[in-house]
Amino acid sequence: MSKKYSLNFEYLDLRGVPCPVNYIRSSLAAEKITPNHFLKIDLDKGEPEKMVLSGLREAGFHVKIISDTSSWLTLKVSQGDCSD
């Protein structure tokens, strides 16, 4: 479920979404971000974490873990040439 905020980011909650659907959704959403904007993703740990992190990084996006709990984490995704 994606929600657009008036700030400079879009939010995607992929907790409970199976692989590879979570990677596909995150990749499609990341392709839509513009400079000075970012995508915030909540994601289950384990295989989803590995698939999404490596896939987005290989696609040239800057990916940072901004929150880490025992069962899920939050990622901040921006274009590769953007700073934190």
PDB file of N, CA and C in Angstrom:
ATOM      1  N   MET A   1       0.833  -1.169   0.000  1.00  0.00           N
ATOM      2  CA  MET A   1       0.000   0.000   0.000  1.00  0.00           C
ATOM      3  C   MET A   1       0.884   1.240   0.000  1.00  0.00           C
ATOM      4  N   SER A   2       0.822   1.983  -1.025  1.00  0.00           N
ATOM      5  CA  SER A   2       1.664   3.162  -1.191  1.00  0.00           C
ATOM      6  C   SER A   2       0.860   4.413  -0.886  1.00  0.00           C
ATOM      7  N   LYS A   3       1.471   5.316  -0.147  1.00  0.00           N
ATOM      8  CA  LYS A   3       0.815   6.585   0.166  1.00  0.00           C
ATOM      9  C   LYS A   3       1.747   7.717  -0.212  1.00  0.00           C
ATOM     10  N   LYS A   4       1.235   8.744  -0.852  1.00  0.00           N
ATOM     11  CA  LYS A   4       2.031   9.892  -1.241  1.00  0.00           C
ATOM     12  C   LYS A   4       1.838  10.989  -0.193  1.00  0.00           C
ATOM     13  N   TYR A   5       2.900  11.539   0.304  1.00  0.00           N
ATOM     14  CA  TYR A   5       2.858  12.604   1.291  1.00  0.00           C
ATOM     15  C   TYR A   5       3.271  13.907   0.636  1.00  0.00           C
ATOM     16  N   SER A   6       2.877  15.020   1.237  1.00  0.00           N
ATOM     17  CA  SER A   6       3.246  16.314   0.677  1.00  0.00           C
ATOM     18  C   SER A   6       4.713  16.640   0.940  1.00  0.00           C
ATOM     19  N   LEU A   7       5.371  15.845   1.763  1.00  0.00           N
ATOM     20  CA  LEU A   7       6.796  16.037   2.010  1.00  0.00           C
ATOM     21  C   LEU A   7       7.558  15.538   0.787  1.00  0.00           C
ATOM     22  N   ASN A   8       8.788  15.196   0.966  1.00  0.00           N
ATOM     23  CA  ASN A   8       9.586  14.777  -0.186  1.00  0.00           C
ATOM     24  C   ASN A   8       9.828  13.266  -0.224  1.00  0.00           C
ATOM     25  N   PHE A   9       8.860  12.484   0.248  1.00  0.00           N
ATOM     26  CA  PHE A   9       9.029  11.040   0.170  1.00  0.00           C
ATOM     27  C   PHE A   9       7.707  10.319  -0.061  1.00  0.00           C
ATOM     28  N   GLU A  10       7.852   9.072  -0.509  1.00  0.00           N
ATOM     29  CA  GLU A  10       6.714   8.168  -0.659  1.00  0.00           C
ATOM     30  C   GLU A  10       6.964   6.994   0.272  1.00  0.00           C
ATOM     31  N   TYR A  11       5.910   6.435   0.835  1.00  0.00           N
ATOM     32  CA  TYR A  11       6.013   5.348   1.809  1.00  0.00           C
ATOM     33  C   TYR A  11       5.410   4.071   1.240  1.00  0.00           C
ATOM     34  N   LEU A  12       6.119   2.958   1.479  1.00  0.00           N
ATOM     35  CA  LEU A  12       5.664   1.654   1.015  1.00  0.00           C
ATOM     36  C   LEU A  12       5.800   0.657   2.164  1.00  0.00           C
ATOM     37  N   ASP A  13       4.692   0.035   2.567  1.00  0.00           N
ATOM     38  CA  ASP A  13       4.711  -0.971   3.635  1.00  0.00           C
ATOM     39  C   ASP A  13       4.643  -2.349   2.997  1.00  0.00           C
ATOM     40  N   LEU A  14       5.770  -3.047   2.993  1.00  0.00           N
ATOM     41  CA  LEU A  14       5.856  -4.363   2.365  1.00  0.00           C
ATOM     42  C   LEU A  14       5.996  -5.482   3.386  1.00  0.00           C
ATOM     43  N   ARG A  15       5.672  -5.207   4.638  1.00  0.00           N
ATOM     44  CA  ARG A  15       5.721  -6.263   5.653  1.00  0.00           C
ATOM     45  C   ARG A  15       4.643  -7.293   5.329  1.00  0.00           C
ATOM     46  N   GLY A  16       5.032  -8.567   5.310  1.00  0.00           N
ATOM     47  CA  GLY A  16       4.102  -9.644   5.000  1.00  0.00           C
ATOM     48  C   GLY A  16       3.942  -9.926   3.518  1.00  0.00           C
ATOM     49  N   VAL A  17       4.614  -9.155   2.672  1.00  0.00           N
ATOM     50  CA  VAL A  17       4.539  -9.362   1.220  1.00  0.00           C
ATOM     51  C   VAL A  17       5.627 -10.367   0.826  1.00  0.00           C
ATOM     52  N   PRO A  18       5.264 -11.433   0.101  1.00  0.00           N
ATOM     53  CA  PRO A  18       6.245 -12.473  -0.229  1.00  0.00           C
ATOM     54  C   PRO A  18       7.227 -12.042  -1.320  1.00  0.00           C
ATOM     55  N   CYS A  19       8.353 -12.749  -1.365  1.00  0.00           N
ATOM     56  CA  CYS A  19       9.320 -12.588  -2.450  1.00  0.00           C
ATOM     57  C   CYS A  19       8.773 -13.287  -3.671  1.00  0.00           C
ATOM     58  N   PRO A  20       9.012 -12.837  -4.862  1.00  0.00           N
ATOM     59  CA  PRO A  20       9.726 -11.633  -5.270  1.00  0.00           C
ATOM     60  C   PRO A  20       8.815 -10.413  -5.414  1.00  0.00           C
ATOM     61  N   VAL A  21       7.562 -10.530  -4.977  1.00  0.00           N
ATOM     62  CA  VAL A  21       6.623  -9.411  -5.124  1.00  0.00           C
ATOM     63  C   VAL A  21       7.126  -8.163  -4.406  1.00  0.00           C
ATOM     64  N   ASN A  22       7.724  -8.334  -3.234  1.00  0.00           N
ATOM     65  CA  ASN A  22       8.228  -7.165  -2.500  1.00  0.00           C
ATOM     66  C   ASN A  22       9.333  -6.449  -3.277  1.00  0.00           C
ATOM     67  N   TYR A  23      10.204  -7.203  -3.948  1.00  0.00           N
ATOM     68  CA  TYR A  23      11.247  -6.560  -4.755  1.00  0.00           C
ATOM     69  C   TYR A  23      10.634  -5.833  -5.947  1.00  0.00           C
ATOM     70  N   ILE A  24       9.688  -6.462  -6.604  1.00  0.00           N
ATOM     71  CA  ILE A  24       9.054  -5.843  -7.779  1.00  0.00           C
ATOM     72  C   ILE A  24       8.368  -4.539  -7.389  1.00  0.00           C
ATOM     73  N   ARG A  25       7.604  -4.561  -6.302  1.00  0.00           N
ATOM     74  CA  ARG A  25       6.906  -3.340  -5.859  1.00  0.00           C
ATOM     75  C   ARG A  25       7.882  -2.237  -5.459  1.00  0.00           C
ATOM     76  N   SER A  26       8.938  -2.623  -4.738  1.00  0.00           N
ATOM     77  CA  SER A  26       9.908  -1.605  -4.319  1.00  0.00           C
ATOM     78  C   SER A  26      10.667  -1.038  -5.516  1.00  0.00           C
ATOM     79  N   SER A  27      10.994  -1.889  -6.471  1.00  0.00           N
ATOM     80  CA  SER A  27      11.714  -1.441  -7.660  1.00  0.00           C
ATOM     81  C   SER A  27      10.860  -0.487  -8.501  1.00  0.00           C
ATOM     82  N   LEU A  28       9.598  -0.824  -8.702  1.00  0.00           N
ATOM     83  CA  LEU A  28       8.706   0.046  -9.473  1.00  0.00           C
ATOM     84  C   LEU A  28       8.516   1.397  -8.779  1.00  0.00           C
ATOM     85  N   ALA A  29       8.378   1.377  -7.456  1.00  0.00           N
ATOM     86  CA  ALA A  29       8.217   2.628  -6.710  1.00  0.00           C
ATOM     87  C   ALA A  29       9.502   3.452  -6.748  1.00  0.00           C
ATOM     88  N   ALA A  30      10.658   2.798  -6.643  1.00  0.00           N
ATOM     89  CA  ALA A  30      11.940   3.503  -6.662  1.00  0.00           C
ATOM     90  C   ALA A  30      12.184   4.179  -8.008  1.00  0.00           C
ATOM     91  N   GLU A  31      11.737   3.562  -9.077  1.00  0.00           N
ATOM     92  CA  GLU A  31      11.925   4.146 -10.404  1.00  0.00           C
ATOM     93  C   GLU A  31      11.178   5.468 -10.564  1.00  0.00           C
ATOM     94  N   LYS A  32      10.170   5.701  -9.737  1.00  0.00           N
ATOM     95  CA  LYS A  32       9.359   6.913  -9.838  1.00  0.00           C
ATOM     96  C   LYS A  32       9.891   8.078  -9.005  1.00  0.00           C
ATOM     97  N   ILE A  33      10.873   7.823  -8.134  1.00  0.00           N
ATOM     98  CA  ILE A  33      11.360   8.919  -7.301  1.00  0.00           C
ATOM     99  C   ILE A  33      12.195   9.887  -8.130  1.00  0.00           C
ATOM    100  N   THR A  34      12.120  11.141  -7.754  1.00  0.00           N
ATOM    101  CA  THR A  34      12.833  12.197  -8.464  1.00  0.00           C
ATOM    102  C   THR A  34      13.947  12.729  -7.575  1.00  0.00           C
ATOM    103  N   PRO A  35      14.857  13.527  -8.128  1.00  0.00           N
ATOM    104  CA  PRO A  35      15.914  14.108  -7.293  1.00  0.00           C
ATOM    105  C   PRO A  35      15.312  14.861  -6.101  1.00  0.00           C
ATOM    106  N   ASN A  36      15.987  14.803  -4.983  1.00  0.00           N
ATOM    107  CA  ASN A  36      15.571  15.435  -3.728  1.00  0.00           C
ATOM    108  C   ASN A  36      14.337  14.791  -3.117  1.00  0.00           C
ATOM    109  N   HIS A  37      13.934  13.641  -3.597  1.00  0.00           N
ATOM    110  CA  HIS A  37      12.844  12.876  -3.019  1.00  0.00           C
ATOM    111  C   HIS A  37      13.372  11.489  -2.687  1.00  0.00           C
ATOM    112  N   PHE A  38      12.675  10.800  -1.795  1.00  0.00           N
ATOM    113  CA  PHE A  38      13.101   9.447  -1.465  1.00  0.00           C
ATOM    114  C   PHE A  38      11.907   8.555  -1.191  1.00  0.00           C
ATOM    115  N   LEU A  39      12.183   7.265  -1.123  1.00  0.00           N
ATOM    116  CA  LEU A  39      11.193   6.247  -0.857  1.00  0.00           C
ATOM    117  C   LEU A  39      11.521   5.619   0.486  1.00  0.00           C
ATOM    118  N   LYS A  40      10.534   5.522   1.346  1.00  0.00           N
ATOM    119  CA  LYS A  40      10.688   4.891   2.652  1.00  0.00           C
ATOM    120  C   LYS A  40       9.938   3.566   2.592  1.00  0.00           C
ATOM    121  N   ILE A  41      10.631   2.453   2.916  1.00  0.00           N
ATOM    122  CA  ILE A  41      10.055   1.114   2.795  1.00  0.00           C
ATOM    123  C   ILE A  41      10.170   0.372   4.120  1.00  0.00           C
ATOM    124  N   ASP A  42       9.042  -0.161   4.622  1.00  0.00           N
ATOM    125  CA  ASP A  42       9.055  -1.101   5.738  1.00  0.00           C
ATOM    126  C   ASP A  42       9.055  -2.495   5.136  1.00  0.00           C
ATOM    127  N   LEU A  43       9.955  -3.355   5.626  1.00  0.00           N
ATOM    128  CA  LEU A  43      10.227  -4.631   4.976  1.00  0.00           C
ATOM    129  C   LEU A  43      10.575  -5.695   6.010  1.00  0.00           C
ATOM    130  N   ASP A  44      10.091  -6.920   5.809  1.00  0.00           N
ATOM    131  CA  ASP A  44      10.443  -8.027   6.700  1.00  0.00           C
ATOM    132  C   ASP A  44      11.919  -8.359   6.566  1.00  0.00           C
ATOM    133  N   LYS A  45      12.486  -8.869   7.666  1.00  0.00           N
ATOM    134  CA  LYS A  45      13.875  -9.318   7.642  1.00  0.00           C
ATOM    135  C   LYS A  45      13.983 -10.673   6.953  1.00  0.00           C
ATOM    136  N   GLY A  46      15.203 -11.062   6.644  1.00  0.00           N
ATOM    137  CA  GLY A  46      15.445 -12.358   6.019  1.00  0.00           C
ATOM    138  C   GLY A  46      15.554 -12.220   4.516  1.00  0.00           C
ATOM    139  N   GLU A  47      14.930 -13.155   3.803  1.00  0.00           N
ATOM    140  CA  GLU A  47      15.009 -13.160   2.344  1.00  0.00           C
ATOM    141  C   GLU A  47      14.499 -11.860   1.712  1.00  0.00           C
ATOM    142  N   PRO A  48      13.363 -11.289   2.184  1.00  0.00           N
ATOM    143  CA  PRO A  48      12.921 -10.018   1.599  1.00  0.00           C
ATOM    144  C   PRO A  48      13.972  -8.916   1.736  1.00  0.00           C
ATOM    145  N   GLU A  49      14.577  -8.841   2.895  1.00  0.00           N
ATOM    146  CA  GLU A  49      15.619  -7.846   3.146  1.00  0.00           C
ATOM    147  C   GLU A  49      16.777  -8.012   2.154  1.00  0.00           C
ATOM    148  N   LYS A  50      17.245  -9.228   2.001  1.00  0.00           N
ATOM    149  CA  LYS A  50      18.381  -9.489   1.108  1.00  0.00           C
ATOM    150  C   LYS A  50      18.039  -9.175  -0.345  1.00  0.00           C
ATOM    151  N   MET A  51      16.856  -9.626  -0.786  1.00  0.00           N
ATOM    152  CA  MET A  51      16.459  -9.408  -2.185  1.00  0.00           C
ATOM    153  C   MET A  51      16.301  -7.929  -2.516  1.00  0.00           C
ATOM    154  N   VAL A  52      15.589  -7.211  -1.667  1.00  0.00           N
ATOM    155  CA  VAL A  52      15.306  -5.802  -1.941  1.00  0.00           C
ATOM    156  C   VAL A  52      16.579  -4.962  -1.827  1.00  0.00           C
ATOM    157  N   LEU A  53      17.346  -5.144  -0.758  1.00  0.00           N
ATOM    158  CA  LEU A  53      18.583  -4.370  -0.594  1.00  0.00           C
ATOM    159  C   LEU A  53      19.528  -4.574  -1.779  1.00  0.00           C
ATOM    160  N   SER A  54      19.825  -5.815  -2.097  1.00  0.00           N
ATOM    161  CA  SER A  54      20.784  -6.059  -3.178  1.00  0.00           C
ATOM    162  C   SER A  54      20.226  -5.635  -4.530  1.00  0.00           C
ATOM    163  N   GLY A  55      18.956  -5.896  -4.778  1.00  0.00           N
ATOM    164  CA  GLY A  55      18.360  -5.537  -6.060  1.00  0.00           C
ATOM    165  C   GLY A  55      18.341  -4.045  -6.314  1.00  0.00           C
ATOM    166  N   LEU A  56      17.950  -3.269  -5.304  1.00  0.00           N
ATOM    167  CA  LEU A  56      17.907  -1.813  -5.473  1.00  0.00           C
ATOM    168  C   LEU A  56      19.312  -1.228  -5.607  1.00  0.00           C
ATOM    169  N   ARG A  57      20.242  -1.754  -4.822  1.00  0.00           N
ATOM    170  CA  ARG A  57      21.628  -1.261  -4.929  1.00  0.00           C
ATOM    171  C   ARG A  57      22.222  -1.588  -6.294  1.00  0.00           C
ATOM    172  N   GLU A  58      21.958  -2.785  -6.785  1.00  0.00           N
ATOM    173  CA  GLU A  58      22.458  -3.163  -8.113  1.00  0.00           C
ATOM    174  C   GLU A  58      21.837  -2.304  -9.213  1.00  0.00           C
ATOM    175  N   ALA A  59      20.628  -1.816  -8.967  1.00  0.00           N
ATOM    176  CA  ALA A  59      19.955  -0.956  -9.939  1.00  0.00           C
ATOM    177  C   ALA A  59      20.455   0.492  -9.857  1.00  0.00           C
ATOM    178  N   GLY A  60      21.367   0.770  -8.920  1.00  0.00           N
ATOM    179  CA  GLY A  60      21.976   2.089  -8.836  1.00  0.00           C
ATOM    180  C   GLY A  60      21.363   3.033  -7.817  1.00  0.00           C
ATOM    181  N   PHE A  61      20.470   2.527  -6.972  1.00  0.00           N
ATOM    182  CA  PHE A  61      19.862   3.371  -5.947  1.00  0.00           C
ATOM    183  C   PHE A  61      20.710   3.372  -4.684  1.00  0.00           C
ATOM    184  N   HIS A  62      20.642   4.472  -3.961  1.00  0.00           N
ATOM    185  CA  HIS A  62      21.293   4.569  -2.662  1.00  0.00           C
ATOM    186  C   HIS A  62      20.294   4.052  -1.635  1.00  0.00           C
ATOM    187  N   VAL A  63      20.668   3.005  -0.862  1.00  0.00           N
ATOM    188  CA  VAL A  63      19.763   2.399   0.103  1.00  0.00           C
ATOM    189  C   VAL A  63      20.409   2.438   1.482  1.00  0.00           C
ATOM    190  N   LYS A  64      19.660   2.979   2.444  1.00  0.00           N
ATOM    191  CA  LYS A  64      20.159   3.095   3.813  1.00  0.00           C
ATOM    192  C   LYS A  64      19.121   2.507   4.766  1.00  0.00           C
ATOM    193  N   ILE A  65      19.576   1.709   5.740  1.00  0.00           N
ATOM    194  CA  ILE A  65      18.684   1.189   6.773  1.00  0.00           C
ATOM    195  C   ILE A  65      18.545   2.278   7.831  1.00  0.00           C
ATOM    196  N   ILE A  66      17.311   2.765   8.048  1.00  0.00           N
ATOM    197  CA  ILE A  66      17.113   3.847   9.010  1.00  0.00           C
ATOM    198  C   ILE A  66      16.431   3.377  10.294  1.00  0.00           C
ATOM    199  N   SER A  67      15.888   2.163  10.299  1.00  0.00           N
ATOM    200  CA  SER A  67      15.291   1.583  11.498  1.00  0.00           C
ATOM    201  C   SER A  67      15.403   0.076  11.399  1.00  0.00           C
ATOM    202  N   ASP A  68      15.712  -0.571  12.519  1.00  0.00           N
ATOM    203  CA  ASP A  68      15.947  -2.006  12.520  1.00  0.00           C
ATOM    204  C   ASP A  68      15.325  -2.615  13.777  1.00  0.00           C
ATOM    205  N   THR A  69      14.250  -3.400  13.616  1.00  0.00           N
ATOM    206  CA  THR A  69      13.636  -4.087  14.752  1.00  0.00           C
ATOM    207  C   THR A  69      13.961  -5.570  14.644  1.00  0.00           C
ATOM    208  N   SER A  70      13.422  -6.371  15.544  1.00  0.00           N
ATOM    209  CA  SER A  70      13.729  -7.802  15.518  1.00  0.00           C
ATOM    210  C   SER A  70      13.116  -8.524  14.321  1.00  0.00           C
ATOM    211  N   SER A  71      12.015  -8.003  13.769  1.00  0.00           N
ATOM    212  CA  SER A  71      11.365  -8.716  12.674  1.00  0.00           C
ATOM    213  C   SER A  71      11.275  -7.946  11.359  1.00  0.00           C
ATOM    214  N   TRP A  72      11.497  -6.650  11.379  1.00  0.00           N
ATOM    215  CA  TRP A  72      11.430  -5.866  10.144  1.00  0.00           C
ATOM    216  C   TRP A  72      12.343  -4.650  10.243  1.00  0.00           C
ATOM    217  N   LEU A  73      12.533  -3.996   9.102  1.00  0.00           N
ATOM    218  CA  LEU A  73      13.381  -2.817   9.062  1.00  0.00           C
ATOM    219  C   LEU A  73      12.782  -1.771   8.129  1.00  0.00           C
ATOM    220  N   THR A  74      13.287  -0.566   8.249  1.00  0.00           N
ATOM    221  CA  THR A  74      12.848   0.531   7.388  1.00  0.00           C
ATOM    222  C   THR A  74      14.028   0.986   6.554  1.00  0.00           C
ATOM    223  N   LEU A  75      13.797   1.085   5.251  1.00  0.00           N
ATOM    224  CA  LEU A  75      14.825   1.527   4.314  1.00  0.00           C
ATOM    225  C   LEU A  75      14.504   2.918   3.796  1.00  0.00           C
ATOM    226  N   LYS A  76      15.545   3.668   3.513  1.00  0.00           N
ATOM    227  CA  LYS A  76      15.418   4.951   2.824  1.00  0.00           C
ATOM    228  C   LYS A  76      16.118   4.771   1.482  1.00  0.00           C
ATOM    229  N   VAL A  77      15.365   4.957   0.406  1.00  0.00           N
ATOM    230  CA  VAL A  77      15.882   4.738  -0.945  1.00  0.00           C
ATOM    231  C   VAL A  77      15.870   6.062  -1.697  1.00  0.00           C
ATOM    232  N   SER A  78      17.003   6.419  -2.283  1.00  0.00           N
ATOM    233  CA  SER A  78      17.091   7.636  -3.086  1.00  0.00           C
ATOM    234  C   SER A  78      17.884   7.343  -4.348  1.00  0.00           C
ATOM    235  N   GLN A  79      17.848   8.295  -5.261  1.00  0.00           N
ATOM    236  CA  GLN A  79      18.636   8.130  -6.482  1.00  0.00           C
ATOM    237  C   GLN A  79      20.106   8.057  -6.101  1.00  0.00           C
ATOM    238  N   GLY A  80      20.871   7.328  -6.887  1.00  0.00           N
ATOM    239  CA  GLY A  80      22.269   7.070  -6.573  1.00  0.00           C
ATOM    240  C   GLY A  80      23.122   8.293  -6.384  1.00  0.00           C
ATOM    241  N   ASP A  81      22.775   9.420  -7.032  1.00  0.00           N
ATOM    242  CA  ASP A  81      23.596  10.614  -6.925  1.00  0.00           C
ATOM    243  C   ASP A  81      23.128  11.549  -5.823  1.00  0.00           C
ATOM    244  N   CYS A  82      22.129  11.137  -5.023  1.00  0.00           N
ATOM    245  CA  CYS A  82      21.610  11.980  -3.944  1.00  0.00           C
ATOM    246  C   CYS A  82      22.332  11.654  -2.654  1.00  0.00           C
ATOM    247  N   SER A  83      22.479  12.642  -1.798  1.00  0.00           N
ATOM    248  CA  SER A  83      23.095  12.418  -0.489  1.00  0.00           C
ATOM    249  C   SER A  83      21.994  12.180   0.531  1.00  0.00           C
ATOM    250  N   ASP A  84      22.392  11.713   1.711  1.00  0.00           N
ATOM    251  CA  ASP A  84      21.419  11.452   2.784  1.00  0.00           C
ATOM    252  C   ASP A  84      20.794  12.725   3.174  1.00  0.00           C
TER     253      ASP A  84
END
